[in-house]
Amino acid sequence: LLLAIDVQRLLELERFEEAESAVRVTLEKSPTAVAPILLLSEILDKAGKQDQSLELLSKSADELPKEASLQIRLVEKLLSARKFPLAAQRLEQMKK
């Protein structure tokens, strides 16, 4: 929770690199922690790194297939990027 608050402050100040660095440190310690993954995705989006955000979500969703929040966020990103076939494929995978 404190990390999220600190990151929000950094994002408000548009200090994207510092926010990204702080979250990456947390992910090094807990690479499968969903909240920091989603937070990093948000940071990358706000920093204009949408491709990296999509790559992070895709990789994380593959590694953690039972994490619905990752799957949903990935589908949202794919739809926003107008990658409809990939979004449909992910939705089908979620049904299984």
C-alpha atoms as a PDB file:
ATOM      1  CA  LEU A   1       0.000   0.000   0.000  1.00  0.00           C
ATOM      2  CA  LEU A   2       2.784   2.423   0.835  1.00  0.00           C
ATOM      3  CA  LEU A   3       4.457   1.634  -2.463  1.00  0.00           C
ATOM      4  CA  ALA A   4       1.262   2.466  -4.341  1.00  0.00           C
ATOM      5  CA  ILE A   5       0.918   5.774  -2.497  1.00  0.00           C
ATOM      6  CA  ASP A   6       4.531   6.714  -3.181  1.00  0.00           C
ATOM      7  CA  VAL A   7       4.185   5.728  -6.822  1.00  0.00           C
ATOM      8  CA  GLN A   8       0.998   7.790  -7.207  1.00  0.00           C
ATOM      9  CA  ARG A   9       2.874  10.843  -5.912  1.00  0.00           C
ATOM     10  CA  LEU A  10       5.697  10.235  -8.369  1.00  0.00           C
ATOM     11  CA  LEU A  11       3.222   9.810 -11.225  1.00  0.00           C
ATOM     12  CA  GLU A  12       1.495  13.077 -10.319  1.00  0.00           C
ATOM     13  CA  LEU A  13       4.906  14.744 -10.602  1.00  0.00           C
ATOM     14  CA  GLU A  14       5.527  12.886 -13.889  1.00  0.00           C
ATOM     15  CA  ARG A  15       8.623  11.242 -12.391  1.00  0.00           C
ATOM     16  CA  PHE A  16       8.035   8.041 -14.322  1.00  0.00           C
ATOM     17  CA  GLU A  17      11.548   6.631 -14.150  1.00  0.00           C
ATOM     18  CA  GLU A  18      11.634   6.872 -10.359  1.00  0.00           C
ATOM     19  CA  ALA A  19       8.205   5.254 -10.074  1.00  0.00           C
ATOM     20  CA  GLU A  20       9.227   2.461 -12.431  1.00  0.00           C
ATOM     21  CA  SER A  21      12.445   1.870 -10.521  1.00  0.00           C
ATOM     22  CA  ALA A  22      10.655   1.660  -7.171  1.00  0.00           C
ATOM     23  CA  VAL A  23       8.200  -0.942  -8.466  1.00  0.00           C
ATOM     24  CA  ARG A  24      10.906  -2.969 -10.202  1.00  0.00           C
ATOM     25  CA  VAL A  25      12.771  -3.273  -6.877  1.00  0.00           C
ATOM     26  CA  THR A  26       9.627  -4.754  -5.339  1.00  0.00           C
ATOM     27  CA  LEU A  27       9.186  -7.115  -8.280  1.00  0.00           C
ATOM     28  CA  GLU A  28      12.763  -8.348  -7.925  1.00  0.00           C
ATOM     29  CA  LYS A  29      11.868  -9.510  -4.419  1.00  0.00           C
ATOM     30  CA  SER A  30       8.420 -10.866  -5.347  1.00  0.00           C
ATOM     31  CA  PRO A  31       8.271 -11.480  -9.109  1.00  0.00           C
ATOM     32  CA  THR A  32       4.824 -13.080  -8.998  1.00  0.00           C
ATOM     33  CA  ALA A  33       3.149 -10.388  -6.892  1.00  0.00           C
ATOM     34  CA  VAL A  34       0.184  -9.237  -8.954  1.00  0.00           C
ATOM     35  CA  ALA A  35      -0.300  -5.737  -7.506  1.00  0.00           C
ATOM     36  CA  PRO A  36       3.206  -4.524  -8.425  1.00  0.00           C
ATOM     37  CA  ILE A  37       2.858  -6.025 -11.914  1.00  0.00           C
ATOM     38  CA  LEU A  38      -0.369  -4.102 -12.476  1.00  0.00           C
ATOM     39  CA  LEU A  39       1.179  -0.976 -10.991  1.00  0.00           C
ATOM     40  CA  LEU A  40       4.198  -1.237 -13.270  1.00  0.00           C
ATOM     41  CA  SER A  41       1.900  -1.664 -16.252  1.00  0.00           C
ATOM     42  CA  GLU A  42       0.122   1.558 -15.295  1.00  0.00           C
ATOM     43  CA  ILE A  43       3.433   3.394 -14.924  1.00  0.00           C
ATOM     44  CA  LEU A  44       4.631   2.196 -18.321  1.00  0.00           C
ATOM     45  CA  ASP A  45       1.360   3.333 -19.898  1.00  0.00           C
ATOM     46  CA  LYS A  46       1.609   6.801 -18.380  1.00  0.00           C
ATOM     47  CA  ALA A  47       5.240   7.047 -19.476  1.00  0.00           C
ATOM     48  CA  GLY A  48       4.187   6.363 -23.064  1.00  0.00           C
ATOM     49  CA  LYS A  49       5.627   2.852 -23.114  1.00  0.00           C
ATOM     50  CA  GLN A  50       2.463   1.022 -24.140  1.00  0.00           C
ATOM     51  CA  ASP A  51       4.331  -1.753 -25.954  1.00  0.00           C
ATOM     52  CA  GLN A  52       6.369  -2.536 -22.838  1.00  0.00           C
ATOM     53  CA  SER A  53       3.220  -2.491 -20.732  1.00  0.00           C
ATOM     54  CA  LEU A  54       1.514  -4.930 -23.083  1.00  0.00           C
ATOM     55  CA  GLU A  55       4.588  -7.172 -23.120  1.00  0.00           C
ATOM     56  CA  LEU A  56       4.740  -7.169 -19.304  1.00  0.00           C
ATOM     57  CA  LEU A  57       1.067  -8.074 -18.996  1.00  0.00           C
ATOM     58  CA  SER A  58       1.302 -10.779 -21.654  1.00  0.00           C
ATOM     59  CA  LYS A  59       4.346 -12.400 -20.057  1.00  0.00           C
ATOM     60  CA  SER A  60       2.850 -12.167 -16.566  1.00  0.00           C
ATOM     61  CA  ALA A  61      -0.511 -13.550 -17.697  1.00  0.00           C
ATOM     62  CA  ASP A  62       1.283 -16.513 -19.285  1.00  0.00           C
ATOM     63  CA  GLU A  63       3.288 -17.153 -16.119  1.00  0.00           C
ATOM     64  CA  LEU A  64       0.276 -16.706 -13.818  1.00  0.00           C
ATOM     65  CA  PRO A  65      -2.684 -18.060 -15.814  1.00  0.00           C
ATOM     66  CA  LYS A  66      -4.979 -18.317 -12.758  1.00  0.00           C
ATOM     67  CA  GLU A  67      -4.676 -14.606 -11.930  1.00  0.00           C
ATOM     68  CA  ALA A  68      -7.900 -13.181 -13.325  1.00  0.00           C
ATOM     69  CA  SER A  69      -6.899  -9.567 -12.710  1.00  0.00           C
ATOM     70  CA  LEU A  70      -3.871  -9.966 -14.972  1.00  0.00           C
ATOM     71  CA  GLN A  71      -5.905 -11.712 -17.647  1.00  0.00           C
ATOM     72  CA  ILE A  72      -8.586  -9.019 -17.574  1.00  0.00           C
ATOM     73  CA  ARG A  73      -6.093  -6.158 -17.689  1.00  0.00           C
ATOM     74  CA  LEU A  74      -4.330  -7.823 -20.609  1.00  0.00           C
ATOM     75  CA  VAL A  75      -7.594  -8.203 -22.536  1.00  0.00           C
ATOM     76  CA  GLU A  76      -8.390  -4.524 -21.858  1.00  0.00           C
ATOM     77  CA  LYS A  77      -4.971  -3.498 -23.172  1.00  0.00           C
ATOM     78  CA  LEU A  78      -5.329  -5.690 -26.253  1.00  0.00           C
ATOM     79  CA  LEU A  79      -8.724  -4.168 -27.000  1.00  0.00           C
ATOM     80  CA  SER A  80      -7.344  -0.643 -26.539  1.00  0.00           C
ATOM     81  CA  ALA A  81      -4.531  -1.507 -28.936  1.00  0.00           C
ATOM     82  CA  ARG A  82      -7.151  -2.798 -31.385  1.00  0.00           C
ATOM     83  CA  LYS A  83      -5.647  -6.280 -31.303  1.00  0.00           C
ATOM     84  CA  PHE A  84      -9.049  -7.924 -31.414  1.00  0.00           C
ATOM     85  CA  PRO A  85      -8.021 -11.460 -32.433  1.00  0.00           C
ATOM     86  CA  LEU A  86      -5.504 -11.662 -29.578  1.00  0.00           C
ATOM     87  CA  ALA A  87      -8.081 -10.304 -27.128  1.00  0.00           C
ATOM     88  CA  ALA A  88     -10.604 -12.904 -28.282  1.00  0.00           C
ATOM     89  CA  GLN A  89      -7.994 -15.641 -27.935  1.00  0.00           C
ATOM     90  CA  ARG A  90      -7.225 -14.583 -24.357  1.00  0.00           C
ATOM     91  CA  LEU A  91     -10.910 -14.495 -23.496  1.00  0.00           C
ATOM     92  CA  GLU A  92     -11.304 -18.035 -24.795  1.00  0.00           C
ATOM     93  CA  GLN A  93      -8.347 -19.159 -22.684  1.00  0.00           C
ATOM     94  CA  MET A  94      -9.947 -17.589 -19.618  1.00  0.00           C
ATOM     95  CA  LYS A  95     -13.073 -19.691 -20.109  1.00  0.00           C
ATOM     96  CA  LYS A  96     -11.112 -22.919 -19.706  1.00  0.00           C
END
